[in-house]
Amino acid sequence: MRERGQFKSLIKLAVLLTTVSISCVLLITGCHRDQSKDPLTAEEKAWLTTNDGKIVLAHDPNAKPIDYLDDKGEFRGIAADYVHLIEKKLNFKFNIVHIKTWDAVLKKAKRKEIDVLCAFAKTPDREKWLLFTKPYIVIPTVILVREDIKETLTPDKMKGMKVTFTNGWVTDEYLKKNYGYLDLVPSIDETNAMNTVSLGRADAWVTALTVASILTEKHKITNLRVAGEVDLEFKLAIASRKDWPILNQIMQKGLSLISQEERSAIFNKWIHIEVKRLISTKLWLGFIIAAATILLIIITILTWNRTLRRQVGQRTKELEEHSERLEEMVEDRTKKLQDAQEKMVRSEKLVALGKL
């Protein structure tokens, strides 16, 4: 009863400490939010006010659900929602331009005709002419093939295959740098890359999983499947021209104002139904190893318990047998003592009678 009372006391103490910890976190978070409502310095505010409506932002016209133009010509997608939140929180407006191809977007950005790219992956080459915020969207890269190709693929297994990707995307630089020995066939955009594989003009398409899922659904492409993954993630950030470091600072602060609740809402809006995540072979192997380890531990515990029970049973049996032997020895000793005592009494009586 005493131990049970101590256990209940420990539980109450743990609950109390947890409650206090959560309260402290909420208090600190609340204070941080209060202090971060207006994170811009006076210089940043002045710069933003001067350039309100003048900062040119461009996006990929065909990369749903990240960023794209809908049927009404509106800028939409995950990146678009982030952009509009930044505008709202920092109280300014971008000059958002819509350009027909991603390749054209990049050419204009290099000529400084575009100031901000809303969803762009950082690479050493791009860092030469752009500044990047921390990534705010992370997406895996996959290999898609026609359904008649049954094997699981990695870039090393694609020798002799025609591999397509979007010209100017991070997959372009990644594949050329790491797998230049492949037969690489650049496409003007993602739709073209998808059709190139679907129609048999190329064998594999390397792209972001989200893009592949959305485009195959939109165009009713049913003969493609995910055959593997590439060791590359689309870590998308907001990129801005390198000669305006203050703009990069403002963009990072704008992103920091977007709460986790708002980020989750954006993710759920665009991804939770449309994207079927690929569970890689490595992940399955991890699951199998973990399950096998747990099973081995369980078997070891059960075997140990069984052995322990057997040992306890054996010890108990030995103790019982030893106890029985002791009882027999005690009974035998007691009988002998009684016999000796009776003999002594008879002897004493005979002496008393003078017969001895």
Protein backbone atom coordinates (compact mmCIF):
# COMPACT_ATOMS: atom_id res chain seq x y z
CA MET A 1 0.00 0.00 0.00
CA ARG A 2 2.85 2.34 0.81
CA GLU A 3 4.50 1.69 -2.58
CA ARG A 4 1.19 2.30 -4.36
CA GLY A 5 0.82 5.61 -2.55
CA GLN A 6 4.36 6.63 -3.55
CA PHE A 7 3.64 5.69 -7.18
CA LYS A 8 0.48 7.86 -7.23
CA SER A 9 2.48 10.73 -5.74
CA LEU A 10 5.09 10.39 -8.50
CA ILE A 11 2.36 10.45 -11.17
CA LYS A 12 0.85 13.62 -9.66
CA LEU A 13 4.28 15.22 -9.58
CA ALA A 14 4.95 14.27 -13.23
CA VAL A 15 1.58 15.71 -14.29
CA LEU A 16 2.28 18.90 -12.36
CA LEU A 17 5.74 19.31 -13.90
CA THR A 18 4.35 18.64 -17.39
CA THR A 19 1.61 21.22 -16.89
CA VAL A 20 4.10 23.80 -15.65
CA SER A 21 6.45 23.06 -18.60
CA ILE A 22 3.65 23.43 -21.14
CA SER A 23 2.53 26.66 -19.51
CA CYS A 24 6.08 28.02 -19.67
CA VAL A 25 6.41 27.07 -23.33
CA LEU A 26 3.08 28.71 -24.16
CA LEU A 27 4.10 31.81 -22.21
CA ILE A 28 7.46 32.02 -23.96
CA THR A 29 5.82 31.37 -27.34
CA GLY A 30 3.23 34.02 -26.65
CA CYS A 31 5.89 36.53 -25.68
CA HIS A 32 7.89 35.67 -28.79
CA ARG A 33 4.85 36.19 -30.99
CA ASP A 34 4.11 39.50 -29.32
CA GLN A 35 7.68 40.62 -29.92
CA SER A 36 7.71 39.34 -33.52
CA LYS A 37 4.55 41.09 -34.74
CA ASP A 38 6.72 43.79 -36.27
CA PRO A 39 10.15 42.22 -36.84
CA LEU A 40 11.43 44.66 -39.45
CA THR A 41 14.04 47.25 -38.62
CA ALA A 42 13.43 50.90 -39.43
CA GLU A 43 15.70 50.56 -42.47
CA GLU A 44 13.81 47.48 -43.73
CA LYS A 45 10.44 49.19 -43.23
CA ALA A 46 11.57 52.25 -45.16
CA TRP A 47 12.97 50.12 -47.99
CA LEU A 48 9.79 48.06 -48.22
CA THR A 49 7.59 51.15 -48.23
CA THR A 50 9.66 52.71 -51.01
CA ASN A 51 9.42 49.52 -53.10
CA ASP A 52 5.81 48.59 -52.32
CA GLY A 53 4.24 47.25 -55.51
CA LYS A 54 7.55 47.42 -57.37
CA ILE A 55 9.24 44.16 -56.30
CA VAL A 56 8.77 41.79 -59.24
CA LEU A 57 7.93 38.22 -58.22
CA ALA A 58 7.68 35.33 -60.68
CA HIS A 59 6.66 31.70 -60.33
CA ASP A 60 6.58 28.47 -62.28
CA PRO A 61 3.46 28.52 -64.50
CA ASN A 62 3.04 24.75 -64.44
CA ALA A 63 4.20 23.21 -61.16
CA LYS A 64 0.97 22.42 -59.35
CA PRO A 65 0.55 22.16 -56.38
CA ILE A 66 3.66 24.25 -55.62
CA ASP A 67 3.00 27.20 -57.91
CA TYR A 68 1.00 27.50 -61.13
CA LEU A 69 -1.58 29.47 -63.09
CA ASP A 70 -5.14 28.19 -62.78
CA ASP A 71 -7.78 28.25 -65.55
CA LYS A 72 -8.59 31.87 -64.72
CA GLY A 73 -4.96 32.94 -64.94
CA GLU A 74 -4.63 33.28 -61.15
CA PHE A 75 -1.41 32.55 -59.25
CA ARG A 76 -2.14 29.54 -57.03
CA GLY A 77 -0.47 26.75 -55.08
CA ILE A 78 1.46 26.23 -51.85
CA ALA A 79 3.98 28.94 -52.68
CA ALA A 80 1.18 31.35 -53.66
CA ASP A 81 -0.46 30.92 -50.25
CA TYR A 82 2.85 31.66 -48.53
CA VAL A 83 3.41 34.72 -50.73
CA HIS A 84 -0.03 36.13 -49.94
CA LEU A 85 0.51 35.56 -46.21
CA ILE A 86 3.85 37.39 -46.34
CA GLU A 87 2.16 40.30 -48.13
CA LYS A 88 -0.54 40.40 -45.47
CA LYS A 89 1.82 40.14 -42.49
CA LEU A 90 4.30 42.70 -43.80
CA ASN A 91 1.58 44.98 -45.25
CA PHE A 92 2.88 45.35 -48.80
CA LYS A 93 2.29 43.96 -52.31
CA PHE A 94 4.54 42.23 -54.81
CA ASN A 95 4.32 42.94 -58.51
CA ILE A 96 3.48 39.35 -59.48
CA VAL A 97 4.17 38.56 -63.13
CA HIS A 98 3.03 35.48 -65.06
CA ILE A 99 5.52 34.09 -67.59
CA LYS A 100 4.71 31.20 -69.92
CA THR A 101 7.70 28.90 -69.23
CA TRP A 102 10.03 28.28 -66.34
CA ASP A 103 13.02 28.56 -68.64
CA ALA A 104 11.94 32.11 -69.55
CA VAL A 105 11.51 32.92 -65.84
CA LEU A 106 15.11 31.95 -65.15
CA LYS A 107 16.48 33.96 -68.07
CA LYS A 108 14.64 37.08 -66.88
CA ALA A 109 15.80 36.53 -63.29
CA LYS A 110 19.43 36.33 -64.41
CA ARG A 111 18.96 39.64 -66.23
CA LYS A 112 17.48 41.11 -62.99
CA GLU A 113 14.14 41.70 -64.68
CA ILE A 114 12.71 39.57 -61.89
CA ASP A 115 13.55 40.27 -58.23
CA VAL A 116 12.04 37.29 -56.41
CA LEU A 117 11.46 33.61 -57.27
CA CYS A 118 8.88 32.29 -54.82
CA ALA A 119 9.86 28.59 -54.81
CA PHE A 120 13.42 27.83 -55.85
CA ALA A 121 15.96 25.22 -54.73
CA LYS A 122 19.41 26.42 -53.69
CA THR A 123 22.42 25.07 -55.59
CA PRO A 124 26.06 26.26 -55.71
CA ASP A 125 25.53 27.66 -59.21
CA ARG A 126 22.41 29.58 -58.25
CA GLU A 127 24.07 31.00 -55.14
CA LYS A 128 26.36 32.93 -57.48
CA TRP A 129 23.50 35.23 -58.46
CA LEU A 130 20.77 34.73 -55.86
CA LEU A 131 20.24 34.86 -52.10
CA PHE A 132 18.02 32.24 -50.44
CA THR A 133 15.83 32.05 -47.36
CA LYS A 134 15.69 28.85 -45.34
CA PRO A 135 13.68 26.14 -47.18
CA TYR A 136 9.96 26.23 -46.41
CA ILE A 137 8.79 23.38 -48.71
CA VAL A 138 10.56 19.98 -48.88
CA ILE A 139 9.52 17.40 -51.52
CA PRO A 140 11.09 14.04 -52.56
CA THR A 141 12.24 13.41 -56.12
CA VAL A 142 11.04 10.27 -57.91
CA ILE A 143 11.62 8.29 -61.13
CA LEU A 144 8.54 7.61 -63.24
CA VAL A 145 8.39 5.05 -66.03
CA ARG A 146 5.74 3.37 -68.15
CA GLU A 147 3.98 0.45 -66.50
CA ASP A 148 5.61 -2.06 -68.86
CA ILE A 149 8.93 -1.37 -67.12
CA LYS A 150 8.55 -3.50 -64.01
CA GLU A 151 11.88 -3.13 -62.23
CA THR A 152 12.73 -0.81 -59.34
CA LEU A 153 15.12 1.90 -60.51
CA THR A 154 17.89 4.13 -59.25
CA PRO A 155 19.99 6.44 -61.45
CA ASP A 156 22.75 3.83 -61.52
CA LYS A 157 20.33 1.32 -63.07
CA MET A 158 19.20 3.65 -65.87
CA LYS A 159 22.18 3.24 -68.17
CA GLY A 160 20.98 2.91 -71.73
CA MET A 161 17.64 4.56 -70.92
CA LYS A 162 16.53 7.98 -72.14
CA VAL A 163 15.93 10.11 -69.07
CA THR A 164 13.95 13.34 -69.25
CA PHE A 165 13.51 16.26 -66.83
CA THR A 166 12.57 19.93 -66.98
CA ASN A 167 15.26 22.18 -68.39
CA GLY A 168 16.42 24.65 -65.72
CA TRP A 169 15.00 22.76 -62.76
CA VAL A 170 17.26 21.56 -59.96
CA THR A 171 16.97 18.05 -61.43
CA ASP A 172 18.75 19.41 -64.52
CA GLU A 173 21.88 20.40 -62.63
CA TYR A 174 21.72 17.36 -60.32
CA LEU A 175 21.51 14.79 -63.12
CA LYS A 176 24.14 16.45 -65.32
CA LYS A 177 26.56 16.78 -62.39
CA ASN A 178 26.09 13.32 -60.86
CA TYR A 179 24.88 11.15 -63.76
CA GLY A 180 26.22 12.81 -66.87
CA TYR A 181 26.84 9.37 -68.41
CA LEU A 182 23.07 8.85 -68.77
CA ASP A 183 21.21 9.65 -72.00
CA LEU A 184 19.66 12.89 -70.73
CA VAL A 185 16.82 14.45 -72.71
CA PRO A 186 15.74 17.88 -71.33
CA SER A 187 12.08 18.93 -71.69
CA ILE A 188 10.72 22.47 -71.90
CA ASP A 189 8.35 21.89 -68.96
CA GLU A 190 6.91 19.16 -66.74
CA THR A 191 3.91 18.41 -68.95
CA ASN A 192 6.19 17.89 -71.91
CA ALA A 193 8.45 15.62 -69.83
CA MET A 194 5.47 13.54 -68.72
CA ASN A 195 4.16 13.17 -72.27
CA THR A 196 7.63 12.31 -73.56
CA VAL A 197 7.73 9.25 -71.30
CA SER A 198 4.05 8.36 -71.62
CA LEU A 199 4.29 8.32 -75.44
CA GLY A 200 7.54 6.33 -75.45
CA ARG A 201 9.93 9.05 -76.64
CA ALA A 202 11.87 8.67 -73.35
CA ASP A 203 12.07 5.88 -70.79
CA ALA A 204 12.13 7.70 -67.44
CA TRP A 205 11.03 11.04 -66.00
CA VAL A 206 12.78 12.49 -62.94
CA THR A 207 10.68 15.03 -61.08
CA ALA A 208 9.12 16.12 -57.80
CA LEU A 209 6.57 13.64 -56.47
CA THR A 210 3.92 16.33 -56.04
CA VAL A 211 4.28 17.53 -59.63
CA ALA A 212 4.06 13.98 -61.00
CA SER A 213 0.95 13.22 -58.96
CA ILE A 214 -0.90 16.38 -59.96
CA LEU A 215 -0.04 16.25 -63.67
CA THR A 216 -0.83 12.57 -64.18
CA GLU A 217 -4.18 13.11 -62.47
CA LYS A 218 -4.98 16.28 -64.41
CA HIS A 219 -4.15 14.78 -67.82
CA LYS A 220 -5.59 11.35 -67.02
CA ILE A 221 -2.25 9.64 -67.64
CA THR A 222 -2.66 6.06 -66.47
CA ASN A 223 0.34 4.27 -67.96
CA LEU A 224 3.02 5.74 -65.66
CA ARG A 225 4.19 4.49 -62.30
CA VAL A 226 6.78 5.44 -59.70
CA ALA A 227 9.75 3.09 -60.11
CA GLY A 228 12.11 4.54 -57.54
CA GLU A 229 13.55 7.56 -55.81
CA VAL A 230 16.49 9.84 -56.44
CA ASP A 231 18.74 10.91 -53.59
CA LEU A 232 17.57 14.48 -53.99
CA GLU A 233 14.92 16.52 -52.24
CA PHE A 234 13.30 19.67 -53.51
CA LYS A 235 14.11 22.03 -50.66
CA LEU A 236 12.33 25.09 -51.92
CA ALA A 237 13.10 28.55 -50.60
CA ILE A 238 12.34 32.12 -51.59
CA ALA A 239 15.20 33.37 -53.77
CA SER A 240 15.96 37.02 -54.42
CA ARG A 241 18.54 38.99 -56.36
CA LYS A 242 21.96 39.01 -54.75
CA ASP A 243 22.53 42.75 -55.05
CA TRP A 244 19.53 43.39 -52.72
CA PRO A 245 20.51 41.61 -49.47
CA ILE A 246 17.93 43.65 -47.56
CA LEU A 247 15.19 41.97 -49.61
CA ASN A 248 16.44 38.54 -48.56
CA GLN A 249 16.35 39.65 -44.91
CA ILE A 250 12.76 40.85 -45.31
CA MET A 251 11.66 37.62 -47.01
CA GLN A 252 13.15 35.51 -44.22
CA LYS A 253 11.42 37.60 -41.57
CA GLY A 254 8.17 37.37 -43.49
CA LEU A 255 8.40 33.56 -43.51
CA SER A 256 9.17 33.50 -39.79
CA LEU A 257 5.84 35.22 -39.10
CA ILE A 258 3.88 32.32 -40.60
CA SER A 259 2.77 30.08 -37.73
CA GLN A 260 2.87 26.31 -37.65
CA GLU A 261 -0.93 26.27 -37.73
CA GLU A 262 -0.93 28.31 -40.93
CA ARG A 263 1.76 26.09 -42.47
CA SER A 264 -0.24 22.95 -41.62
CA ALA A 265 -3.39 24.46 -43.12
CA ILE A 266 -1.57 25.20 -46.39
CA PHE A 267 -0.10 21.68 -46.53
CA ASN A 268 -3.45 20.02 -45.87
CA LYS A 269 -5.13 22.20 -48.48
CA TRP A 270 -2.82 21.14 -51.30
CA ILE A 271 -1.16 17.83 -50.48
CA HIS A 272 -2.91 15.54 -48.03
CA ILE A 273 -5.33 13.98 -50.55
CA GLU A 274 -3.60 14.47 -53.90
CA VAL A 275 -0.19 12.98 -53.13
CA LYS A 276 0.40 9.28 -52.50
CA ARG A 277 3.80 9.13 -50.83
CA LEU A 278 6.22 6.45 -51.99
CA ILE A 279 7.59 4.25 -49.24
CA SER A 280 11.12 3.51 -50.31
CA THR A 281 12.87 0.16 -50.15
CA LYS A 282 15.20 1.59 -47.54
CA LEU A 283 12.24 2.59 -45.40
CA TRP A 284 10.67 -0.85 -45.76
CA LEU A 285 14.01 -2.40 -44.84
CA GLY A 286 14.12 -0.16 -41.80
CA PHE A 287 10.65 -1.32 -40.79
CA ILE A 288 11.65 -4.98 -41.26
CA ILE A 289 14.85 -4.57 -39.23
CA ALA A 290 12.97 -2.75 -36.47
CA ALA A 291 10.23 -5.40 -36.41
CA ALA A 292 12.80 -8.21 -36.39
CA THR A 293 14.68 -6.53 -33.55
CA ILE A 294 11.50 -6.15 -31.51
CA LEU A 295 10.53 -9.76 -32.24
CA LEU A 296 13.99 -10.93 -31.19
CA ILE A 297 13.70 -8.98 -27.95
CA ILE A 298 10.26 -10.47 -27.27
CA ILE A 299 11.49 -14.01 -28.00
CA THR A 300 14.52 -13.43 -25.77
CA ILE A 301 12.31 -12.18 -22.93
CA LEU A 302 9.87 -15.07 -23.32
CA THR A 303 12.72 -17.61 -23.47
CA TRP A 304 14.37 -16.03 -20.44
CA ASN A 305 11.06 -16.05 -18.54
CA ARG A 306 10.47 -19.69 -19.47
CA THR A 307 14.00 -20.61 -18.42
CA LEU A 308 13.56 -18.64 -15.22
CA ARG A 309 10.26 -20.41 -14.50
CA ARG A 310 11.90 -23.78 -15.20
CA GLN A 311 14.79 -22.91 -12.88
CA VAL A 312 12.43 -21.69 -10.18
CA GLY A 313 10.37 -24.87 -10.57
CA GLN A 314 13.48 -27.01 -10.37
CA ARG A 315 14.73 -25.12 -7.32
CA THR A 316 11.33 -25.42 -5.68
CA LYS A 317 11.25 -29.16 -6.35
CA GLU A 318 14.78 -29.56 -4.96
CA LEU A 319 13.85 -27.58 -1.86
CA GLU A 320 10.75 -29.71 -1.35
CA GLU A 321 12.76 -32.90 -1.74
CA HIS A 322 15.41 -31.55 0.63
CA SER A 323 12.68 -30.60 3.07
CA GLU A 324 11.19 -34.09 2.89
CA ARG A 325 14.62 -35.62 3.50
CA LEU A 326 15.11 -33.34 6.48
CA GLU A 327 11.73 -34.36 7.85
CA GLU A 328 12.61 -38.03 7.42
CA MET A 329 15.97 -37.47 9.11
CA VAL A 330 14.32 -35.60 11.96
CA GLU A 331 11.70 -38.34 12.36
CA ASP A 332 14.40 -41.02 12.29
CA ARG A 333 16.53 -39.14 14.80
CA THR A 334 13.55 -38.52 16.99
CA LYS A 335 12.60 -42.23 16.94
CA LYS A 336 16.16 -43.26 17.82
CA LEU A 337 16.22 -40.78 20.69
CA GLN A 338 12.88 -42.07 21.93
CA ASP A 339 14.12 -45.66 21.72
CA ALA A 340 17.29 -44.77 23.58
CA GLN A 341 15.33 -42.94 26.23
CA GLU A 342 12.94 -45.88 26.69
CA LYS A 343 15.90 -48.28 26.98
CA MET A 344 17.49 -46.04 29.58
CA VAL A 345 14.27 -45.90 31.58
CA ARG A 346 13.97 -49.73 31.55
CA SER A 347 17.59 -50.02 32.66
CA GLU A 348 17.03 -47.68 35.54
CA LYS A 349 13.98 -49.67 36.64
CA LEU A 350 15.90 -52.96 36.55
CA VAL A 351 18.69 -51.40 38.63
CA ALA A 352 16.16 -50.23 41.11
CA LEU A 353 14.74 -53.74 41.37
CA GLY A 354 18.25 -55.17 41.83
CA LYS A 355 18.17 -57.23 38.80
CA LEU A 356 21.30 -55.81 37.35
